[in-house]
Amino acid sequence: MVDTSLKPLIRVIDDDDAVRRSWAFLIESEGWDVVTYSDALDFIASNDFQRPGCLVLDVRMPRMSGLELQDKLLEIGVDLPIIFISGHGDIDMAVRTLKQGAIDFLQKPVDDQRLLNTISSAVTKNLNHRRNEMELSTFRSRLEQLTQREREVIRMVAQGMSNKLVAENLGISEKTVQVHRGSAYRKLDLHNAAEIARLLLRSGDPL
């Protein structure tokens, strides 16, 4: 499970030393933590994927291009947003990267404020995504604590059925439904049917 309490980290990957230093200085001036890499393969070898944040990534680099790195990260399930920077990009290339989830495709020379704004948006998106994933992971773990009867009751409650209707469907008393419902709410640490329905929908209804 990813720890969203970690401070975001901006990874700058470019084979040009001057560009790396310039971007790192700019980004650090806004209070962000920054680490730089001269090569996409060096970044992969670092296994530097745990902290939230984003990548500021040059398209054209030796050994592994920015596009190839994007493909690799998708393959291994790394969820860091990518901001592509290119002095040689074209529309087809930009469309390809954006379709695969890139946040933006910026042309050199890059406006400093636009880059900073894009980084802020990317980090916010990444933090929200990781919080949502953590919420779902916690929910799925708590679902495993429910008894079979509690699962049956919760599924029907999430569908909007009243205690009375649930009791009729399961052939049990309404009071027994209330007991199972209350127990399930406590185990899930949730307080109403709408919350449960929302999480069941997002998690693919694992009951």
Foldseek 3Di string as FASTA:
>chain_A
DADLVAAAEEEEEALDPVVQVVLCVLQVVVVHHYDYHNDLVVVVVVVPQRHFFAYEAEQDHPPAGPVRSLVVCVVVVRDHAYEYEYQDDDPVVQVVVVVSPHQGYYYPPGDSVVVNVSRVVRRVVRSVVVVVVVLLVLQVVLVVVADPVLLQLLVVVLVVDDLCVSCVVVVHDSVVSVVSPVVSCVSNVHDGSPVVNVSCVVNVNPD
